[in-house]
Protein backbone atom coordinates (compact mmCIF):
# COMPACT_ATOMS: atom_id res chain seq x y z
CA MET A 1 62.68 120.41 103.00
CA THR A 2 64.01 116.73 103.55
CA ARG A 3 64.16 116.68 106.99
CA PRO A 4 67.31 114.73 108.97
CA LEU A 5 65.75 111.50 110.63
CA PRO A 6 65.77 111.37 114.67
CA VAL A 7 68.66 110.10 116.46
CA ALA A 8 66.62 107.71 118.05
CA VAL A 9 65.41 106.57 114.96
CA VAL A 10 69.50 106.41 113.41
CA LEU A 11 70.30 104.63 116.36
CA LEU A 12 67.69 101.93 116.15
CA PHE A 13 68.06 100.99 112.29
CA ALA A 14 72.22 101.27 113.04
CA PRO A 15 72.63 97.46 113.68
CA LEU A 16 70.77 96.53 110.93
CA LEU A 17 72.73 98.88 108.43
CA VAL A 18 75.99 97.34 110.25
CA ALA A 19 74.28 93.88 109.25
CA LEU A 20 73.47 95.01 105.86
CA THR A 21 76.82 95.98 105.07
CA ARG A 22 78.46 92.83 106.71
CA GLY A 23 75.99 90.59 104.87
CA ASP A 24 76.97 92.18 101.51
CA ALA A 25 80.93 91.26 101.96
CA MET A 26 79.55 87.93 102.97
CA ALA A 27 77.94 87.59 99.26
CA THR A 28 81.01 88.84 97.47
CA GLU A 29 83.01 85.89 96.07
CA LYS A 30 86.09 85.47 98.55
CA PRO A 31 89.07 83.40 98.21
CA ASN A 32 89.37 80.49 100.23
CA VAL A 33 92.44 80.03 102.74
CA LEU A 34 95.02 77.16 103.40
CA PHE A 35 96.72 77.80 106.72
CA ILE A 36 100.00 75.97 107.04
CA ALA A 37 102.14 75.80 109.98
CA ILE A 38 105.39 73.94 110.68
CA ASP A 39 106.77 74.40 114.32
CA ASP A 40 110.25 75.12 115.59
CA GLN A 41 111.47 75.25 111.86
CA ASN A 42 114.19 77.33 111.04
CA ASP A 43 115.79 78.96 107.54
CA TRP A 44 117.35 75.00 106.83
CA ILE A 45 114.83 75.34 103.97
CA GLY A 46 115.81 75.40 100.27
CA CYS A 47 114.44 78.71 99.09
CA LEU A 48 115.87 80.22 102.63
CA GLY A 49 119.06 78.93 102.12
CA GLY A 50 119.82 78.51 105.35
CA HIS A 51 121.78 74.67 105.25
CA PRO A 52 123.29 74.48 101.87
CA LEU A 53 121.97 70.16 101.94
CA ALA A 54 118.25 70.96 103.02
CA LYS A 55 115.95 69.11 100.65
CA THR A 56 112.59 70.88 100.31
CA PRO A 57 110.73 70.40 96.99
CA ASN A 58 107.38 71.37 97.83
CA ILE A 59 107.85 74.07 99.79
CA ASP A 60 110.35 75.61 97.25
CA GLN A 61 108.03 74.88 94.59
CA LEU A 62 105.24 76.93 96.60
CA ALA A 63 107.62 79.83 97.16
CA GLU A 64 107.97 79.73 93.14
CA ARG A 65 104.16 80.02 93.10
CA GLY A 66 104.12 83.20 95.34
CA THR A 67 106.32 85.59 97.22
CA VAL A 68 108.54 84.32 100.03
CA PHE A 69 109.97 86.55 102.74
CA THR A 70 113.49 85.77 103.57
CA ASN A 71 113.61 88.29 106.36
CA ALA A 72 110.75 87.18 108.33
CA HIS A 73 111.01 86.70 112.25
CA CYS A 74 108.43 86.16 115.01
CA GLN A 75 107.48 87.83 117.47
CA ALA A 76 108.78 85.71 120.23
CA PRO A 77 110.98 82.70 120.08
CA LEU A 78 108.60 80.22 122.14
CA CYS A 79 105.56 78.41 120.71
CA ASN A 80 102.34 80.01 123.09
CA PRO A 81 103.60 83.69 122.94
CA SER A 82 104.31 83.25 119.31
CA ARG A 83 101.47 81.69 118.20
CA THR A 84 99.03 83.70 120.52
CA SER A 85 100.67 86.86 118.88
CA LEU A 86 100.39 85.68 115.47
CA MET A 87 96.52 84.77 116.11
CA THR A 88 96.06 87.50 117.57
CA SER A 89 98.03 90.29 115.68
CA ARG A 90 98.99 91.32 119.36
CA ARG A 91 102.75 91.98 120.53
CA PRO A 92 103.68 89.89 123.22
CA SER A 93 104.83 93.23 125.12
CA SER A 94 101.21 94.25 125.22
CA THR A 95 99.45 91.05 126.13
CA GLY A 96 102.15 89.78 128.79
CA ILE A 97 101.67 86.29 127.22
CA TYR A 98 105.62 85.21 127.46
CA GLY A 99 105.65 81.41 128.64
CA LEU A 100 103.79 78.56 127.59
CA ALA A 101 101.16 79.64 130.31
CA PRO A 102 98.67 81.23 130.18
CA TRP A 103 96.20 80.46 127.69
CA PHE A 104 95.29 84.20 126.70
CA ARG A 105 91.40 83.26 126.67
CA ASN A 106 92.26 82.55 130.57
CA VAL A 107 93.28 86.34 131.11
CA ASP A 108 90.39 88.51 132.14
CA GLU A 109 91.98 91.32 129.38
CA LEU A 110 92.27 89.16 126.87
CA LYS A 111 89.57 86.39 126.44
CA ASP A 112 87.28 88.64 124.03
CA ILE A 113 90.38 89.10 121.67
CA VAL A 114 88.74 88.68 118.06
CA SER A 115 91.15 86.04 116.77
CA LEU A 116 92.06 85.25 112.83
CA PRO A 117 89.38 82.37 112.54
CA GLN A 118 86.47 84.13 114.75
CA TYR A 119 87.41 87.51 112.27
CA LEU A 120 87.24 85.16 109.08
CA ARG A 121 83.79 83.38 110.74
CA GLU A 122 82.10 87.08 111.20
CA TYR A 123 82.52 87.05 107.32
CA GLY A 124 81.27 83.66 106.45
CA TYR A 125 84.38 81.67 106.92
CA LYS A 126 83.91 78.24 107.75
CA THR A 127 86.80 77.58 110.20
CA TYR A 128 88.93 74.15 110.31
CA SER A 129 91.74 73.29 112.49
CA ALA A 130 94.23 69.97 113.12
CA GLY A 131 97.84 69.11 114.61
CA LYS A 132 98.93 72.18 116.30
CA ILE A 133 97.59 75.71 115.39
CA TYR A 134 98.16 77.17 118.95
CA HIS A 135 100.20 75.85 121.47
CA GLY A 136 99.46 72.15 122.69
CA GLY A 137 95.74 71.83 123.34
CA TYR A 138 94.71 75.51 123.30
CA GLY A 139 92.29 76.17 120.98
CA ARG A 140 91.16 72.73 120.73
CA LYS A 141 88.15 72.56 123.03
CA SER A 142 84.18 73.76 122.05
CA LYS A 143 84.23 75.93 124.68
CA ASP A 144 87.03 78.16 122.81
CA ASP A 145 85.05 78.64 120.08
CA GLU A 146 88.14 79.12 117.83
CA PHE A 147 87.27 76.71 114.77
CA ASP A 148 84.51 75.47 113.87
CA VAL A 149 85.62 71.87 112.93
CA LEU A 150 88.70 70.41 114.87
CA GLY A 151 90.49 67.33 112.78
CA PRO A 152 93.26 65.54 115.28
CA PRO A 153 95.34 67.05 117.84
CA VAL A 154 99.00 66.57 117.58
CA LYS A 155 100.01 62.80 117.67
CA ILE A 156 103.53 62.01 119.00
CA VAL A 157 104.61 58.30 118.07
CA ARG A 158 107.61 57.24 120.67
CA PRO A 159 109.72 53.95 120.72
CA LYS A 160 109.39 52.28 123.80
CA LYS A 161 112.80 53.25 124.64
CA LYS A 162 114.41 56.89 124.09
CA PHE A 163 117.28 56.51 121.69
CA VAL A 164 119.25 59.92 123.48
CA LYS A 165 119.59 60.37 127.51
CA THR A 166 120.16 64.14 127.50
CA PRO A 167 121.14 65.80 131.16
CA GLN A 168 117.84 66.38 132.03
CA ASN A 169 116.40 63.43 130.34
CA HIS A 170 113.15 65.36 129.41
CA ALA A 171 110.62 63.07 127.43
CA LEU A 172 110.78 64.89 124.34
CA MET A 173 114.81 65.65 124.15
CA ASP A 174 115.32 62.68 121.75
CA TRP A 175 116.27 62.12 117.77
CA GLY A 176 116.49 59.27 115.52
CA LYS A 177 115.08 56.79 112.95
CA PHE A 178 111.25 56.00 114.04
CA PRO A 179 108.97 54.97 113.49
CA PRO A 180 109.51 52.56 110.28
CA THR A 181 107.11 54.24 107.77
CA ASP A 182 105.38 57.42 106.88
CA GLU A 183 101.73 55.88 107.35
CA GLU A 184 102.61 55.41 111.39
CA THR A 185 103.32 59.20 112.07
CA GLY A 186 101.01 61.45 113.77
CA GLU A 187 102.40 64.08 110.77
CA TRP A 188 100.71 61.55 107.90
CA GLN A 189 97.73 61.40 110.05
CA THR A 190 97.38 65.35 109.89
CA ALA A 191 98.12 65.67 106.39
CA SER A 192 95.41 62.83 105.67
CA TRP A 193 93.14 65.04 107.68
CA ALA A 194 93.61 67.78 106.02
CA VAL A 195 93.46 65.91 102.47
CA GLU A 196 90.59 64.58 103.09
CA GLN A 197 88.85 67.82 103.70
CA LEU A 198 90.06 68.81 100.20
CA GLU A 199 88.51 65.96 98.70
CA SER A 200 85.09 66.75 100.20
CA ASP A 201 82.58 68.63 99.00
CA LEU A 202 84.17 71.89 101.13
CA PRO A 203 81.50 74.97 101.86
CA GLU A 204 83.39 77.76 100.20
CA PRO A 205 84.66 80.33 101.61
CA PHE A 206 86.80 78.17 103.85
CA PHE A 207 89.56 78.72 106.19
CA LEU A 208 91.30 75.37 106.65
CA SER A 209 94.58 74.83 108.78
CA PHE A 210 96.66 72.52 109.69
CA GLY A 211 100.17 72.40 111.97
CA HIS A 212 102.82 69.94 111.60
CA PHE A 213 104.74 69.34 115.14
CA LEU A 214 107.76 68.46 113.51
CA PRO A 215 110.80 69.51 113.15
CA HIS A 216 109.94 69.80 117.02
CA VAL A 217 111.42 67.89 119.45
CA PRO A 218 111.43 64.79 119.46
CA CYS A 219 113.13 64.77 116.28
CA TYR A 220 111.44 61.41 114.92
CA ALA A 221 111.26 60.63 111.40
CA PRO A 222 111.35 57.20 108.97
CA PRO A 223 114.44 55.83 107.93
CA LYS A 224 114.47 56.82 104.68
CA TRP A 225 114.02 60.47 105.15
CA HIS A 226 117.52 60.21 106.90
CA ASP A 227 119.11 58.58 104.24
CA LEU A 228 118.42 62.15 102.38
CA TYR A 229 121.03 63.26 104.87
CA PRO A 230 125.35 62.31 104.97
CA ASP A 231 125.98 60.79 108.60
CA ASP A 232 129.08 62.91 108.96
CA ASP A 233 130.13 66.68 109.81
CA SER A 234 128.40 68.04 106.72
CA VAL A 235 125.09 68.46 108.26
CA ARG A 236 125.66 70.48 111.15
CA PRO A 237 125.91 74.40 110.67
CA GLU A 238 129.20 76.29 110.71
CA ILE A 239 129.64 78.02 114.18
CA LEU A 240 132.27 80.04 115.89
CA PHE A 241 133.23 78.41 119.32
CA ASN A 242 133.55 80.83 122.15
CA ASP A 243 130.72 82.60 120.63
CA ARG A 244 130.19 83.72 123.43
CA SER A 245 132.35 85.54 124.58
CA ASP A 246 131.65 88.85 123.44
CA THR A 247 127.67 88.72 124.48
CA PRO A 248 126.51 89.60 127.94
CA ARG A 249 126.02 87.60 130.72
CA SER A 250 122.33 88.75 130.39
CA SER A 251 122.19 86.98 127.12
CA TRP A 252 121.71 83.87 129.49
CA PHE A 253 118.70 85.03 131.67
CA ILE A 254 116.43 84.06 128.79
CA HIS A 255 117.53 80.17 128.36
CA TRP A 256 119.29 80.06 131.88
CA GLU A 257 118.18 76.28 132.33
CA LEU A 258 115.94 74.31 129.90
CA PRO A 259 115.35 70.75 128.53
CA GLU A 260 117.08 71.62 125.29
CA PRO A 261 121.23 70.45 125.89
CA ARG A 262 123.59 72.78 124.79
CA LEU A 263 126.42 72.53 122.46
CA LYS A 264 128.94 71.15 125.24
CA PHE A 265 126.56 67.81 125.64
CA LEU A 266 126.34 67.38 122.23
CA LEU A 267 130.04 67.56 121.39
CA ASP A 268 130.99 65.13 124.60
CA GLU A 269 128.34 62.53 123.94
CA ASN A 270 128.94 62.83 119.85
CA GLU A 271 125.32 63.66 119.36
CA TRP A 272 125.92 67.15 117.41
CA THR A 273 125.74 65.09 113.67
CA ASN A 274 123.09 63.02 114.67
CA LEU A 275 120.43 65.71 116.01
CA CYS A 276 121.42 67.80 112.92
CA ARG A 277 121.24 64.90 110.75
CA SER A 278 117.30 63.82 112.21
CA TYR A 279 116.20 67.28 112.11
CA LEU A 280 116.88 67.58 108.37
CA ALA A 281 114.92 64.45 108.18
CA CYS A 282 111.94 66.10 109.88
CA VAL A 283 112.34 68.87 107.97
CA SER A 284 111.96 67.09 104.78
CA PHE A 285 109.61 64.58 106.15
CA VAL A 286 107.08 67.54 106.58
CA ASP A 287 108.08 68.79 103.33
CA SER A 288 106.85 65.62 101.83
CA GLN A 289 103.30 66.10 103.65
CA ILE A 290 102.98 69.12 102.84
CA GLY A 291 103.31 68.52 99.21
CA ARG A 292 100.36 66.14 99.54
CA VAL A 293 98.54 68.45 100.35
CA LEU A 294 99.10 70.83 98.01
CA THR A 295 98.60 68.20 95.17
CA ALA A 296 95.40 67.70 97.06
CA LEU A 297 94.05 71.76 96.75
CA ASN A 298 95.38 71.52 92.96
CA GLU A 299 93.03 68.17 92.35
CA SER A 300 90.37 69.56 93.85
CA GLY A 301 90.16 72.57 91.40
CA ARG A 302 90.19 75.15 94.56
CA ALA A 303 93.65 76.46 93.59
CA ASP A 304 93.00 79.22 91.56
CA ASN A 305 90.80 80.96 94.11
CA THR A 306 93.05 79.79 97.34
CA ILE A 307 95.47 82.01 99.54
CA ILE A 308 97.97 79.60 100.95
CA VAL A 309 99.78 80.91 103.63
CA LEU A 310 102.93 78.95 105.35
CA TRP A 311 104.91 80.10 108.33
CA SER A 312 106.44 79.01 111.23
CA ASP A 313 106.33 79.76 114.99
CA HIS A 314 110.34 80.47 115.58
CA GLY A 315 113.41 78.81 114.42
CA TYR A 316 115.84 76.57 116.15
CA HIS A 317 118.88 76.88 117.19
CA LEU A 318 121.62 73.75 116.47
CA GLY A 319 124.71 74.37 118.16
CA GLU A 320 125.17 77.92 117.21
CA LYS A 321 125.83 80.34 120.22
CA GLU A 322 126.80 77.15 121.97
CA ILE A 323 123.09 76.10 122.09
CA SER A 324 120.12 73.85 121.10
CA GLY A 325 116.53 74.94 121.07
CA LYS A 326 114.97 78.33 120.94
CA ASN A 327 114.48 81.00 123.14
CA THR A 328 116.93 83.64 121.85
CA LEU A 329 116.97 86.83 120.07
CA TRP A 330 119.42 85.91 117.45
CA ASP A 331 118.41 85.44 113.93
CA ASP A 332 118.66 81.56 114.24
CA SER A 333 115.79 81.74 117.17
CA THR A 334 113.75 84.69 115.30
CA ARG A 335 113.89 84.02 111.66
CA VAL A 336 111.28 82.02 110.29
CA PRO A 337 109.63 80.80 106.90
CA LEU A 338 106.69 83.04 105.44
CA ILE A 339 105.36 82.44 102.35
CA PHE A 340 101.97 83.47 100.29
CA ALA A 341 100.71 82.08 97.40
CA GLY A 342 97.38 82.55 95.51
CA PRO A 343 95.10 85.08 94.48
CA GLY A 344 96.46 88.69 95.49
CA VAL A 345 99.94 87.25 95.24
CA THR A 346 102.57 87.83 92.71
CA SER A 347 104.56 84.94 92.00
CA GLY A 348 108.37 83.79 92.07
CA GLN A 349 108.82 86.88 94.08
CA THR A 350 111.59 87.12 96.92
CA CYS A 351 110.91 90.01 99.40
CA VAL A 352 114.23 90.85 101.84
CA GLU A 353 111.83 93.71 103.57
CA PRO A 354 111.73 92.81 107.57
CA ALA A 355 108.27 91.17 108.10
CA GLU A 356 106.38 89.90 111.04
CA LEU A 357 104.47 86.95 111.94
CA LEU A 358 101.87 89.37 113.25
CA ASP A 359 101.08 90.68 109.49
CA ILE A 360 99.91 87.49 108.55
CA TYR A 361 96.13 88.46 110.19
CA PRO A 362 95.97 91.74 108.54
CA THR A 363 97.24 90.54 105.37
CA LEU A 364 94.66 87.66 105.05
CA VAL A 365 92.15 90.19 106.18
CA ASP A 366 93.25 92.54 103.37
CA LEU A 367 93.55 89.73 100.81
CA CYS A 368 90.13 88.48 101.38
CA GLY A 369 88.32 91.72 100.85
CA LEU A 370 86.95 92.03 104.25
CA PRO A 371 86.81 95.33 106.01
CA PRO A 372 90.03 95.81 108.46
CA ASN A 373 90.07 95.33 112.08
CA GLY A 374 91.21 98.02 113.70
CA ASN A 375 92.26 96.57 116.62
CA LEU A 376 95.56 94.53 115.11
CA GLU A 377 99.28 95.83 115.59
CA GLY A 378 100.41 93.97 112.45
CA VAL A 379 100.21 95.68 109.36
CA SER A 380 99.38 94.41 105.97
CA LEU A 381 101.98 92.77 103.39
CA SER A 382 99.55 93.36 100.63
CA PRO A 383 101.68 96.15 99.34
CA GLN A 384 104.90 93.62 99.43
CA LEU A 385 103.07 90.30 97.91
CA GLN A 386 102.15 93.15 95.02
CA ASP A 387 105.75 94.47 94.49
CA ALA A 388 108.49 92.82 96.93
CA SER A 389 110.80 96.13 96.49
CA VAL A 390 108.19 98.14 98.35
CA PRO A 391 109.72 98.54 101.76
CA THR A 392 107.65 97.41 104.78
CA GLY A 393 108.74 100.77 106.83
CA ARG A 394 109.46 99.02 109.98
CA PRO A 395 111.86 96.84 111.50
CA ALA A 396 110.70 93.34 112.68
CA ILE A 397 110.55 93.26 116.79
CA THR A 398 110.80 90.20 118.51
CA THR A 399 110.56 90.04 122.51
CA HIS A 400 110.94 87.24 125.08
CA ASN A 401 110.11 88.18 128.48
CA GLN A 402 109.22 91.60 129.83
CA GLY A 403 112.58 94.01 128.75
CA ASN A 404 114.25 91.54 126.56
CA HIS A 405 113.84 92.66 122.65
CA GLY A 406 115.47 92.09 119.31
CA ILE A 407 114.97 94.65 116.48
CA ARG A 408 115.83 93.18 113.21
CA THR A 409 116.09 95.73 109.64
CA LYS A 410 117.44 94.53 106.60
CA ASP A 411 121.37 95.62 107.77
CA TRP A 412 120.89 95.35 111.35
CA ARG A 413 120.32 93.39 114.34
CA TYR A 414 119.84 95.39 117.23
CA ILE A 415 119.44 93.36 121.01
CA ARG A 416 118.49 95.25 124.22
CA TYR A 417 118.37 92.88 127.68
CA VAL A 418 116.16 93.33 130.61
CA ASP A 419 119.40 94.98 132.73
CA GLY A 420 120.14 97.60 129.70
CA ALA A 421 123.04 95.32 127.95
CA GLU A 422 123.02 95.76 124.59
CA GLU A 423 124.35 93.38 121.03
CA LEU A 424 124.77 94.72 117.49
CA TYR A 425 125.27 93.01 114.68
CA ASP A 426 126.10 94.57 110.89
CA MET A 427 123.84 91.55 109.17
CA GLN A 428 125.10 92.37 105.83
CA ALA A 429 128.92 91.79 107.04
CA ASP A 430 128.41 89.31 109.56
CA PRO A 431 125.14 87.48 108.92
CA LYS A 432 125.87 84.99 111.34
CA GLU A 433 126.21 87.37 114.01
CA TRP A 434 129.80 86.49 115.37
CA THR A 435 130.60 90.03 116.44
CA ASN A 436 128.95 92.51 118.69
CA LEU A 437 129.61 95.67 117.82
CA ALA A 438 127.35 97.43 120.34
CA ASP A 439 130.68 98.46 122.73
CA ASN A 440 132.36 100.14 119.45
CA SER A 441 131.88 103.72 119.69
CA GLU A 442 131.78 103.93 115.71
CA TYR A 443 128.46 102.68 115.55
CA GLU A 444 126.70 104.96 118.15
CA SER A 445 124.53 106.60 115.48
CA VAL A 446 123.43 102.70 114.63
CA LEU A 447 122.53 102.05 118.16
CA THR A 448 120.54 105.40 118.54
CA LYS A 449 118.27 104.36 115.42
CA MET A 450 117.79 100.76 116.47
CA ARG A 451 116.98 101.83 120.11
CA ALA A 452 114.00 104.25 118.99
CA HIS A 453 112.24 101.16 117.80
CA LEU A 454 111.96 99.42 121.06
CA PRO A 455 108.33 98.70 121.98
CA GLU A 456 106.82 101.67 124.23
CA LYS A 457 104.28 98.78 125.52
CA ASP A 458 106.41 96.60 127.95
CA VAL A 459 104.00 94.71 130.61
CA ARG A 460 104.52 92.68 133.15
CA PRO A 461 103.72 88.70 132.64
CA ALA A 462 99.91 88.07 132.77
CA PRO A 463 98.74 86.57 135.42
CA GLY A 464 99.15 82.75 135.32
CA SER A 465 102.23 82.85 133.62
CA ARG A 466 104.94 80.18 134.04
CA HIS A 467 107.05 77.81 132.08
CA ARG A 468 110.37 79.90 130.59
CA VAL A 469 108.92 83.05 132.30
CA LEU A 470 111.94 85.59 133.71
CA ILE A 471 111.12 88.09 136.11
CA TYR A 472 113.81 91.00 136.60
CA GLU A 473 113.24 93.12 139.66
CA ASP A 474 115.40 95.81 141.52
CA GLY A 475 118.47 94.23 139.59
CA VAL A 476 117.83 90.38 140.28
CA PRO A 477 116.82 88.45 137.81
CA ASN A 478 114.21 85.25 138.61
CA TRP A 479 114.35 82.51 136.18
CA GLN A 480 111.15 80.09 136.46
CA GLY A 481 110.74 81.02 140.19
CA GLU A 482 114.33 81.02 141.38
CA ASP A 483 116.60 83.82 141.67
CA ILE A 484 119.87 84.12 139.60
CA SER A 485 122.56 85.50 141.96
CA ALA A 486 125.35 87.67 140.57
CA ASP A 487 127.98 84.71 141.30
CA ASP A 488 125.77 82.11 140.17
CA PRO A 489 127.86 80.21 137.12
CA ILE A 490 126.19 79.95 133.72
CA PRO A 491 124.58 76.68 133.59
CA GLN A 492 126.28 74.16 131.29
CA PHE A 493 123.32 71.65 130.50
């Protein structure tokens, strides 16, 4: 009779067995990953239909090659928490990362989270990054150990003097025709680095990530990109004036005072058309740079074995809901482009099922044939990438500071604010979210169903949180360190 091995022997050889298993996974041919990020990109893209004039031929062609999610949403309408959520597959309501700080590696209970590039590295991937993947300079120090190879950081080329003087005159709040040529921009530099990598003898499998800063403000693009769009009101989005009349006062708390100008300023200073045209110009310019990289991938001979994923960290208002910028829980701020193409992805598909950016991590793990990471809150979108009609079975959830959540299904948008105030929109009949139905008793059953999706975990801001952070205690909202009293007027700028 064969006797079982002693427990001590099993424990002794367990690490070796794990290593051998991992080695087998690494030995198997795996697809490369081209990871493309855009900053502040809303649905003003051809394949998403957000603006009738938007010209994005390269992104549209990528969508035709793969599957585009037309109902994809960020988990936070702000750079740092959104990118942290995407790269770790953890919700802001789980990590407490709500503001532009802190870097999650500086939070004791979060510092050892295995990020997407780190997980891929464990299974043999060489990881590369340039431009903006994490917020700002986060993840770009060697001690951060996020990537093996770092390319150029974000570079903003500025004119000697701002074109537009906004109320707070923040350095980034500007837009217009600049610089004269594409080659002078930081976007060209980022794309050129990615092209150079693809033209080199890259070790495979690789994870090649690059992030464009535009159309984030300052919305500077060379004149030829502005010339694609008319200098008239047709570039403006269709809006409902006084659209905030049926939204609660607390809808203002999460963007109480910000550098981004309100619609009132854009109208008073005759800058609304200029901003919208500049934003569209930046969108088309970034599309052209993405096209350069996709061309290089095709010419490299690696396209057939490379998964491409394109995403933006959140959307952007350009007059809708009487504001510009992000920091809201409406579609203009939460809806983002999300496109997959390559091995394991059905081409020519459009998926209308709710999808979340934190699903990217488990989806890539799945597509790359790697063992699942059991510490993720997202789910793989592989079923939808094979058949876009397969239901995801859950809504998309966006959180902006503790207690403020947006729930998006195919048919409904529900918002709960930190003071308990609510909004409800019928997204089929009212896709622009003009009529808040939350106070209509006919929709109580819908409200009950939507409330059931609110996150169970809703933690306080992480230590070191600052910049666009709202805290609500004892019925008093505190915006960036200052209390908002019941009789404080809503800031106009």
